[in-house]
C-alpha cells in the first residue's frame, strides 16, 4: 500500500509534495530584449509611425542586413527597455510621417506599447518616453532606398 493509499485508508488527506500552487513554484525573468521586441512591434503598428530609431541606427541596420551572416534586430531598433522584477520603463525613438499630428501619434504609440507589454509580460509599464527624431517627407527617399544594392524598404506593420 502506498503512502497516499495508506493515508486515505486511515481517513487523513493524502500528503502533497511541494505545497502551494504549481504555477507559483519558481521564478520567471523577462530579458530586456523581449520587452524591446514587443514594444518595437507595437509602436510600428501605429499609423503615422514611419520607422524606428535615429537615421544612423537605421542606416547601420540596413548595412548589417546586407552583410552575409550579418544579423540585426530591426524589431528592437529605436527601443531601449529597463526591466525590473515587476516593472519596466521604455525609451523609443520614432520617425513620423509628414502631416500627422505628432502628439496624437505619440499618445497612440504610448497606449499601444503599454497595452502590449503589460498584456504579454505581466510587467507594469511605469513610463514610455518617446523621442521624435525625424519626419518622413512624402518626396523623400528612405535612407536605405538609395544605397547601393538596397532591397525593399524595411516592412512596416499597419
N, C-alpha and C. Protein backbone atom coordinates (compact mmCIF):
# COMPACT_ATOMS: atom_id res chain seq x y z
N UNK A 1 0.85 -1.16 0.00
CA UNK A 1 0.00 0.00 0.00
C UNK A 1 0.91 1.24 0.00
N UNK A 2 0.60 2.23 -0.90
CA UNK A 2 1.41 3.43 -0.96
C UNK A 2 1.06 4.37 0.19
N UNK A 3 1.88 5.40 0.35
CA UNK A 3 1.66 6.35 1.44
C UNK A 3 0.31 7.04 1.31
N UNK A 4 -0.06 7.46 0.08
CA UNK A 4 -1.32 8.17 -0.10
C UNK A 4 -2.51 7.21 0.08
N UNK A 5 -2.34 5.94 -0.35
CA UNK A 5 -3.41 4.97 -0.14
C UNK A 5 -3.56 4.69 1.35
N UNK A 6 -2.44 4.62 2.06
CA UNK A 6 -2.47 4.38 3.49
C UNK A 6 -3.14 5.55 4.22
N UNK A 7 -2.81 6.78 3.82
CA UNK A 7 -3.40 7.96 4.43
C UNK A 7 -4.90 7.99 4.17
N UNK A 8 -5.30 7.66 2.93
CA UNK A 8 -6.71 7.67 2.58
C UNK A 8 -7.46 6.60 3.38
N UNK A 9 -6.83 5.45 3.56
CA UNK A 9 -7.46 4.38 4.32
C UNK A 9 -7.59 4.76 5.78
N UNK A 10 -6.66 5.57 6.30
CA UNK A 10 -6.69 5.97 7.70
C UNK A 10 -7.61 7.17 7.91
N UNK A 11 -8.16 7.76 6.81
CA UNK A 11 -9.09 8.88 6.95
C UNK A 11 -8.41 10.24 6.95
N UNK A 12 -7.10 10.29 6.71
CA UNK A 12 -6.41 11.58 6.63
C UNK A 12 -6.16 11.90 5.16
N UNK A 13 -6.11 13.19 4.83
CA UNK A 13 -5.89 13.54 3.41
C UNK A 13 -4.50 13.12 2.95
N UNK A 14 -4.36 12.83 1.65
CA UNK A 14 -3.05 12.44 1.13
C UNK A 14 -2.04 13.58 1.29
N UNK A 15 -0.77 13.23 1.40
CA UNK A 15 0.30 14.21 1.56
C UNK A 15 0.63 14.80 0.19
N UNK A 16 0.66 16.15 0.11
CA UNK A 16 1.04 16.83 -1.13
C UNK A 16 2.50 17.20 -1.05
N UNK A 17 3.19 17.02 -2.13
CA UNK A 17 4.60 17.39 -2.20
C UNK A 17 4.73 18.81 -2.73
N UNK A 18 5.69 19.59 -2.27
CA UNK A 18 5.99 20.91 -2.79
C UNK A 18 5.13 22.02 -2.23
N UNK A 19 3.89 21.76 -1.92
CA UNK A 19 3.00 22.77 -1.34
C UNK A 19 2.73 23.95 -2.27
N UNK A 20 1.55 24.48 -2.18
CA UNK A 20 1.21 25.68 -2.95
C UNK A 20 0.83 25.39 -4.38
N UNK A 21 0.43 26.45 -5.04
CA UNK A 21 0.02 26.38 -6.43
C UNK A 21 1.23 26.07 -7.32
N UNK A 22 1.13 25.08 -8.20
CA UNK A 22 2.27 24.75 -9.07
C UNK A 22 2.73 25.93 -9.93
N UNK A 23 1.82 26.83 -10.29
CA UNK A 23 2.18 27.98 -11.10
C UNK A 23 3.05 28.99 -10.38
N UNK A 24 3.10 28.91 -9.06
CA UNK A 24 3.89 29.87 -8.28
C UNK A 24 5.22 29.29 -7.80
N UNK A 25 5.52 28.09 -8.22
CA UNK A 25 6.78 27.47 -7.82
C UNK A 25 7.86 27.83 -8.82
N UNK A 26 8.76 28.65 -8.42
CA UNK A 26 9.83 29.06 -9.32
C UNK A 26 9.72 30.54 -9.65
N UNK A 27 10.62 31.00 -10.49
CA UNK A 27 10.73 32.41 -10.81
C UNK A 27 10.81 32.59 -12.32
N UNK A 28 10.14 33.59 -12.82
CA UNK A 28 10.19 33.92 -14.24
C UNK A 28 10.88 35.26 -14.41
N UNK A 29 11.88 35.30 -15.27
CA UNK A 29 12.53 36.57 -15.58
C UNK A 29 12.33 36.86 -17.06
N UNK A 30 12.21 38.14 -17.38
CA UNK A 30 11.99 38.55 -18.76
C UNK A 30 13.15 39.46 -19.15
N UNK A 31 13.84 39.10 -20.20
CA UNK A 31 15.01 39.85 -20.66
C UNK A 31 14.59 41.19 -21.26
N UNK A 32 15.48 42.17 -21.16
CA UNK A 32 15.24 43.49 -21.74
C UNK A 32 14.88 43.36 -23.22
N UNK A 33 15.58 42.50 -23.94
CA UNK A 33 15.35 42.34 -25.38
C UNK A 33 13.96 41.86 -25.72
N UNK A 34 13.36 41.07 -24.84
CA UNK A 34 12.00 40.58 -25.08
C UNK A 34 11.02 41.76 -25.02
N UNK A 35 11.17 42.57 -23.99
CA UNK A 35 10.31 43.75 -23.84
C UNK A 35 10.54 44.72 -25.00
N UNK A 36 11.79 44.87 -25.42
CA UNK A 36 12.12 45.77 -26.53
C UNK A 36 11.45 45.30 -27.83
N UNK A 37 11.45 44.01 -28.09
CA UNK A 37 10.80 43.49 -29.30
C UNK A 37 9.31 43.74 -29.26
N UNK A 38 8.68 43.44 -28.14
CA UNK A 38 7.24 43.65 -28.01
C UNK A 38 6.90 45.12 -28.23
N UNK A 39 7.65 46.00 -27.58
CA UNK A 39 7.39 47.44 -27.68
C UNK A 39 7.65 47.94 -29.10
N UNK A 40 8.71 47.47 -29.73
CA UNK A 40 9.03 47.90 -31.09
C UNK A 40 7.95 47.52 -32.08
N UNK A 41 7.47 46.30 -31.98
CA UNK A 41 6.41 45.85 -32.89
C UNK A 41 5.11 46.61 -32.63
N UNK A 42 4.80 46.84 -31.36
CA UNK A 42 3.57 47.58 -31.02
C UNK A 42 3.65 49.02 -31.51
N UNK A 43 4.81 49.65 -31.42
CA UNK A 43 4.97 51.03 -31.88
C UNK A 43 4.84 51.11 -33.40
N UNK A 44 5.44 50.16 -34.12
CA UNK A 44 5.37 50.16 -35.58
C UNK A 44 3.95 49.95 -36.10
N UNK A 45 3.11 49.39 -35.26
CA UNK A 45 1.74 49.08 -35.64
C UNK A 45 0.85 50.34 -35.68
N UNK A 46 1.36 51.45 -35.17
CA UNK A 46 0.57 52.68 -35.10
C UNK A 46 0.68 53.45 -36.42
N UNK A 47 -0.46 53.85 -36.96
CA UNK A 47 -0.49 54.64 -38.19
C UNK A 47 0.17 55.98 -37.91
N UNK A 48 1.08 56.38 -38.79
CA UNK A 48 1.81 57.63 -38.62
C UNK A 48 3.25 57.41 -38.22
N UNK A 49 3.58 56.20 -37.73
CA UNK A 49 4.96 55.86 -37.41
C UNK A 49 5.59 55.33 -38.69
N UNK A 50 6.57 56.06 -39.20
CA UNK A 50 7.22 55.65 -40.44
C UNK A 50 8.33 54.63 -40.18
N UNK A 51 9.12 54.88 -39.13
CA UNK A 51 10.25 54.00 -38.81
C UNK A 51 10.61 54.20 -37.35
N UNK A 52 11.53 53.37 -36.90
CA UNK A 52 12.02 53.43 -35.52
C UNK A 52 13.52 53.67 -35.55
N UNK A 53 14.00 54.45 -34.59
CA UNK A 53 15.43 54.67 -34.44
C UNK A 53 15.90 55.91 -35.16
N UNK A 54 17.09 56.34 -34.79
CA UNK A 54 17.69 57.51 -35.43
C UNK A 54 18.13 57.14 -36.84
N UNK A 55 18.44 58.13 -37.64
CA UNK A 55 18.89 57.88 -39.01
C UNK A 55 20.11 57.00 -39.05
N UNK A 56 21.06 57.24 -38.14
CA UNK A 56 22.28 56.44 -38.10
C UNK A 56 21.97 54.99 -37.77
N UNK A 57 21.10 54.77 -36.81
CA UNK A 57 20.75 53.40 -36.42
C UNK A 57 20.07 52.67 -37.57
N UNK A 58 19.20 53.37 -38.30
CA UNK A 58 18.52 52.72 -39.44
C UNK A 58 19.50 52.42 -40.56
N UNK A 59 20.44 53.33 -40.81
CA UNK A 59 21.44 53.11 -41.87
C UNK A 59 22.35 51.94 -41.52
N UNK A 60 22.84 51.93 -40.29
CA UNK A 60 23.71 50.81 -39.87
C UNK A 60 22.96 49.49 -39.89
N UNK A 61 21.69 49.50 -39.51
CA UNK A 61 20.89 48.29 -39.55
C UNK A 61 20.72 47.78 -40.97
N UNK A 62 20.52 48.69 -41.92
CA UNK A 62 20.38 48.29 -43.33
C UNK A 62 21.67 47.69 -43.85
N UNK A 63 22.81 48.24 -43.45
CA UNK A 63 24.11 47.70 -43.87
C UNK A 63 24.29 46.30 -43.28
N UNK A 64 24.00 46.14 -42.00
CA UNK A 64 24.13 44.81 -41.35
C UNK A 64 23.23 43.79 -42.02
N UNK A 65 22.05 44.21 -42.46
CA UNK A 65 21.13 43.28 -43.12
C UNK A 65 21.70 42.75 -44.42
N UNK A 66 22.57 43.52 -45.08
CA UNK A 66 23.11 43.13 -46.38
C UNK A 66 24.42 42.36 -46.30
N UNK A 67 25.05 42.34 -45.14
CA UNK A 67 26.31 41.62 -44.96
C UNK A 67 25.98 40.15 -44.76
N UNK A 68 26.59 39.26 -45.58
CA UNK A 68 26.33 37.83 -45.39
C UNK A 68 26.68 37.41 -43.96
N UNK A 69 25.73 36.78 -43.32
CA UNK A 69 25.94 36.34 -41.94
C UNK A 69 25.71 37.45 -40.94
N UNK A 70 25.50 38.68 -41.41
CA UNK A 70 25.25 39.79 -40.50
C UNK A 70 23.84 39.69 -39.95
N UNK A 71 23.70 40.07 -38.72
CA UNK A 71 22.38 39.98 -38.10
C UNK A 71 22.06 41.32 -37.45
N UNK A 72 20.88 41.79 -37.68
CA UNK A 72 20.45 42.99 -36.98
C UNK A 72 19.12 42.65 -36.31
N UNK A 73 18.70 43.54 -35.48
CA UNK A 73 17.44 43.32 -34.77
C UNK A 73 16.49 44.46 -35.09
N UNK A 74 15.87 44.44 -36.30
CA UNK A 74 15.01 45.55 -36.66
C UNK A 74 13.84 45.73 -35.71
N UNK A 75 13.38 44.68 -35.07
CA UNK A 75 12.25 44.80 -34.15
C UNK A 75 12.63 45.61 -32.90
N UNK A 76 13.90 45.65 -32.57
CA UNK A 76 14.32 46.39 -31.37
C UNK A 76 14.98 47.71 -31.71
N UNK A 77 15.16 48.02 -32.98
CA UNK A 77 15.79 49.27 -33.38
C UNK A 77 14.97 50.44 -32.86
N UNK A 78 15.63 51.37 -32.17
CA UNK A 78 14.95 52.55 -31.66
C UNK A 78 14.22 52.33 -30.34
N UNK A 79 14.46 51.19 -29.70
CA UNK A 79 13.78 50.89 -28.44
C UNK A 79 14.81 50.50 -27.39
N UNK A 80 14.69 51.06 -26.20
CA UNK A 80 15.53 50.67 -25.08
C UNK A 80 14.63 50.43 -23.88
N UNK A 81 14.81 49.30 -23.22
CA UNK A 81 13.99 48.95 -22.06
C UNK A 81 14.88 48.72 -20.85
N UNK A 82 14.36 49.11 -19.71
CA UNK A 82 14.96 48.76 -18.43
C UNK A 82 13.92 47.92 -17.71
N UNK A 83 14.26 46.67 -17.46
CA UNK A 83 13.30 45.73 -16.89
C UNK A 83 13.72 45.36 -15.48
N UNK A 84 12.79 45.54 -14.55
CA UNK A 84 12.99 45.10 -13.17
C UNK A 84 12.20 43.83 -12.93
N UNK A 85 11.98 43.50 -11.66
CA UNK A 85 11.25 42.27 -11.35
C UNK A 85 9.77 42.39 -11.67
N UNK A 86 9.18 43.57 -11.45
CA UNK A 86 7.74 43.73 -11.68
C UNK A 86 7.39 44.94 -12.53
N UNK A 87 8.38 45.77 -12.87
CA UNK A 87 8.13 46.98 -13.64
C UNK A 87 9.13 47.12 -14.78
N UNK A 88 8.76 47.94 -15.76
CA UNK A 88 9.67 48.26 -16.85
C UNK A 88 9.45 49.70 -17.29
N UNK A 89 10.50 50.30 -17.82
CA UNK A 89 10.44 51.64 -18.40
C UNK A 89 11.03 51.56 -19.79
N UNK A 90 10.46 52.33 -20.72
CA UNK A 90 10.87 52.25 -22.12
C UNK A 90 11.20 53.62 -22.69
N UNK A 91 12.21 53.64 -23.55
CA UNK A 91 12.56 54.82 -24.34
C UNK A 91 12.47 54.43 -25.81
N UNK A 92 11.72 55.20 -26.60
CA UNK A 92 11.54 54.92 -28.01
C UNK A 92 11.96 56.12 -28.84
N UNK A 93 12.59 55.84 -29.97
CA UNK A 93 12.90 56.86 -30.98
C UNK A 93 12.07 56.52 -32.20
N UNK A 94 11.26 57.50 -32.65
CA UNK A 94 10.41 57.23 -33.80
C UNK A 94 10.59 58.29 -34.87
N UNK A 95 10.30 57.89 -36.10
CA UNK A 95 10.22 58.79 -37.24
C UNK A 95 8.75 58.79 -37.65
N UNK A 96 8.16 59.98 -37.76
CA UNK A 96 6.74 60.07 -38.10
C UNK A 96 6.59 60.49 -39.56
N UNK A 97 5.45 60.14 -40.13
CA UNK A 97 5.11 60.57 -41.48
C UNK A 97 4.73 62.04 -41.45
N UNK A 98 5.12 62.78 -42.50
CA UNK A 98 4.77 64.19 -42.59
C UNK A 98 3.25 64.34 -42.64
N UNK A 99 2.73 65.32 -41.90
CA UNK A 99 1.30 65.63 -41.92
C UNK A 99 0.51 65.05 -40.78
N UNK A 100 1.08 64.13 -40.04
CA UNK A 100 0.35 63.56 -38.91
C UNK A 100 0.49 64.48 -37.69
N UNK A 101 -0.47 64.41 -36.80
CA UNK A 101 -0.38 65.16 -35.54
C UNK A 101 0.56 64.39 -34.61
N UNK A 102 1.72 64.94 -34.37
CA UNK A 102 2.75 64.23 -33.61
C UNK A 102 2.27 63.86 -32.21
N UNK A 103 1.57 64.78 -31.55
CA UNK A 103 1.08 64.48 -30.20
C UNK A 103 0.11 63.30 -30.21
N UNK A 104 -0.74 63.22 -31.24
CA UNK A 104 -1.69 62.10 -31.35
C UNK A 104 -0.97 60.79 -31.63
N UNK A 105 0.04 60.83 -32.50
CA UNK A 105 0.81 59.62 -32.80
C UNK A 105 1.55 59.16 -31.54
N UNK A 106 2.17 60.08 -30.83
CA UNK A 106 2.90 59.72 -29.61
C UNK A 106 1.96 59.11 -28.58
N UNK A 107 0.76 59.69 -28.44
CA UNK A 107 -0.22 59.14 -27.49
C UNK A 107 -0.63 57.73 -27.89
N UNK A 108 -0.88 57.53 -29.19
CA UNK A 108 -1.29 56.21 -29.68
C UNK A 108 -0.17 55.19 -29.51
N UNK A 109 1.07 55.60 -29.77
CA UNK A 109 2.23 54.71 -29.58
C UNK A 109 2.32 54.32 -28.11
N UNK A 110 2.23 55.29 -27.24
CA UNK A 110 2.33 55.04 -25.80
C UNK A 110 1.26 54.03 -25.36
N UNK A 111 0.01 54.28 -25.78
CA UNK A 111 -1.10 53.39 -25.39
C UNK A 111 -0.90 51.98 -25.94
N UNK A 112 -0.50 51.87 -27.20
CA UNK A 112 -0.32 50.56 -27.83
C UNK A 112 0.83 49.78 -27.19
N UNK A 113 1.92 50.48 -26.92
CA UNK A 113 3.09 49.83 -26.31
C UNK A 113 2.77 49.36 -24.90
N UNK A 114 2.15 50.23 -24.10
CA UNK A 114 1.81 49.85 -22.72
C UNK A 114 0.88 48.65 -22.71
N UNK A 115 -0.15 48.69 -23.55
CA UNK A 115 -1.11 47.59 -23.61
C UNK A 115 -0.43 46.27 -23.98
N UNK A 116 0.40 46.29 -25.03
CA UNK A 116 1.06 45.06 -25.50
C UNK A 116 2.04 44.52 -24.47
N UNK A 117 2.88 45.38 -23.91
CA UNK A 117 3.89 44.92 -22.96
C UNK A 117 3.24 44.39 -21.68
N UNK A 118 2.26 45.12 -21.15
CA UNK A 118 1.62 44.65 -19.92
C UNK A 118 0.85 43.35 -20.14
N UNK A 119 0.17 43.24 -21.28
CA UNK A 119 -0.61 42.03 -21.57
C UNK A 119 0.30 40.81 -21.74
N UNK A 120 1.40 40.99 -22.47
CA UNK A 120 2.25 39.85 -22.79
C UNK A 120 3.23 39.47 -21.69
N UNK A 121 3.64 40.44 -20.87
CA UNK A 121 4.67 40.15 -19.88
C UNK A 121 4.17 40.16 -18.44
N UNK A 122 3.07 40.85 -18.19
CA UNK A 122 2.59 40.99 -16.82
C UNK A 122 3.35 42.05 -16.04
N UNK A 123 4.32 42.70 -16.69
CA UNK A 123 5.07 43.77 -16.04
C UNK A 123 4.26 45.06 -16.06
N UNK A 124 4.43 45.89 -15.05
CA UNK A 124 3.82 47.21 -15.05
C UNK A 124 4.74 48.16 -15.82
N UNK A 125 4.20 48.84 -16.82
CA UNK A 125 4.98 49.81 -17.57
C UNK A 125 4.83 51.15 -16.84
N UNK A 126 5.94 51.63 -16.26
CA UNK A 126 5.87 52.86 -15.47
C UNK A 126 6.02 54.10 -16.32
N UNK A 127 6.71 54.00 -17.47
CA UNK A 127 6.81 55.14 -18.37
C UNK A 127 7.24 54.69 -19.75
N UNK A 128 6.77 55.46 -20.74
CA UNK A 128 7.20 55.27 -22.13
C UNK A 128 7.59 56.65 -22.63
N UNK A 129 8.89 56.89 -22.74
CA UNK A 129 9.42 58.16 -23.23
C UNK A 129 9.60 58.05 -24.74
N UNK A 130 9.07 59.02 -25.47
CA UNK A 130 9.12 58.98 -26.92
C UNK A 130 9.88 60.19 -27.43
N UNK A 131 10.90 59.92 -28.24
CA UNK A 131 11.66 60.98 -28.90
C UNK A 131 11.35 60.90 -30.40
N UNK A 132 10.76 61.96 -30.94
CA UNK A 132 10.51 62.02 -32.38
C UNK A 132 11.79 62.57 -32.99
N UNK A 133 12.52 61.71 -33.72
CA UNK A 133 13.85 62.06 -34.21
C UNK A 133 13.86 62.53 -35.66
N UNK A 134 12.73 62.35 -36.38
CA UNK A 134 12.70 62.79 -37.77
C UNK A 134 11.27 62.76 -38.27
N UNK A 135 11.06 63.44 -39.39
CA UNK A 135 9.79 63.44 -40.10
C UNK A 135 10.06 62.97 -41.51
N UNK A 136 9.33 61.98 -41.98
CA UNK A 136 9.48 61.45 -43.33
C UNK A 136 8.62 62.28 -44.26
N UNK A 137 9.27 63.01 -45.18
CA UNK A 137 8.56 63.83 -46.16
C UNK A 137 8.07 62.95 -47.30
N UNK A 138 6.95 63.32 -47.92
CA UNK A 138 6.37 62.47 -48.98
C UNK A 138 7.32 62.23 -50.15
N UNK A 139 8.13 63.24 -50.53
CA UNK A 139 9.00 63.09 -51.70
C UNK A 139 10.41 62.64 -51.33
N UNK A 140 10.62 62.33 -50.07
CA UNK A 140 11.95 61.94 -49.58
C UNK A 140 12.12 60.43 -49.67
N UNK A 141 13.28 60.00 -50.22
CA UNK A 141 13.56 58.56 -50.25
C UNK A 141 13.94 58.10 -48.87
N UNK A 142 13.65 56.84 -48.56
CA UNK A 142 14.16 56.25 -47.33
C UNK A 142 15.66 56.21 -47.43
N UNK A 143 16.34 56.32 -46.29
CA UNK A 143 17.80 56.33 -46.30
C UNK A 143 18.39 55.09 -46.93
N UNK A 144 17.70 53.97 -46.86
CA UNK A 144 18.23 52.73 -47.41
C UNK A 144 17.85 52.55 -48.88
N UNK A 145 16.85 53.33 -49.38
CA UNK A 145 16.41 53.16 -50.76
C UNK A 145 17.49 53.51 -51.77
N UNK A 146 18.28 54.55 -51.49
CA UNK A 146 19.28 54.98 -52.44
C UNK A 146 20.61 54.28 -52.29
N UNK A 147 20.76 53.43 -51.31
CA UNK A 147 22.03 52.75 -51.07
C UNK A 147 22.27 51.70 -52.13
N UNK A 148 23.54 51.53 -52.48
CA UNK A 148 23.89 50.54 -53.49
C UNK A 148 23.52 49.15 -53.01
N UNK A 149 22.82 48.42 -53.86
CA UNK A 149 22.43 47.06 -53.51
C UNK A 149 21.26 47.01 -52.55
N UNK A 150 20.60 48.14 -52.33
CA UNK A 150 19.49 48.18 -51.38
C UNK A 150 18.33 47.39 -51.93
N UNK A 151 17.68 46.70 -51.06
CA UNK A 151 16.49 45.96 -51.42
C UNK A 151 15.27 46.79 -51.10
N UNK A 152 14.17 46.13 -50.82
CA UNK A 152 12.94 46.83 -50.47
C UNK A 152 13.11 47.51 -49.11
N UNK A 153 12.40 48.60 -48.90
CA UNK A 153 12.50 49.23 -47.59
C UNK A 153 12.02 48.29 -46.50
N UNK A 154 12.43 48.59 -45.29
CA UNK A 154 12.03 47.75 -44.15
C UNK A 154 10.51 47.70 -44.05
N UNK A 155 9.93 46.50 -43.95
CA UNK A 155 8.47 46.40 -43.89
C UNK A 155 7.95 47.01 -42.61
N UNK A 156 6.75 47.58 -42.71
CA UNK A 156 6.11 48.16 -41.55
C UNK A 156 4.77 47.48 -41.35
N UNK A 157 4.43 47.24 -40.10
CA UNK A 157 3.12 46.66 -39.77
C UNK A 157 2.11 47.79 -39.68
N UNK A 158 0.95 47.57 -40.19
CA UNK A 158 -0.13 48.58 -40.10
C UNK A 158 -1.35 47.94 -39.53
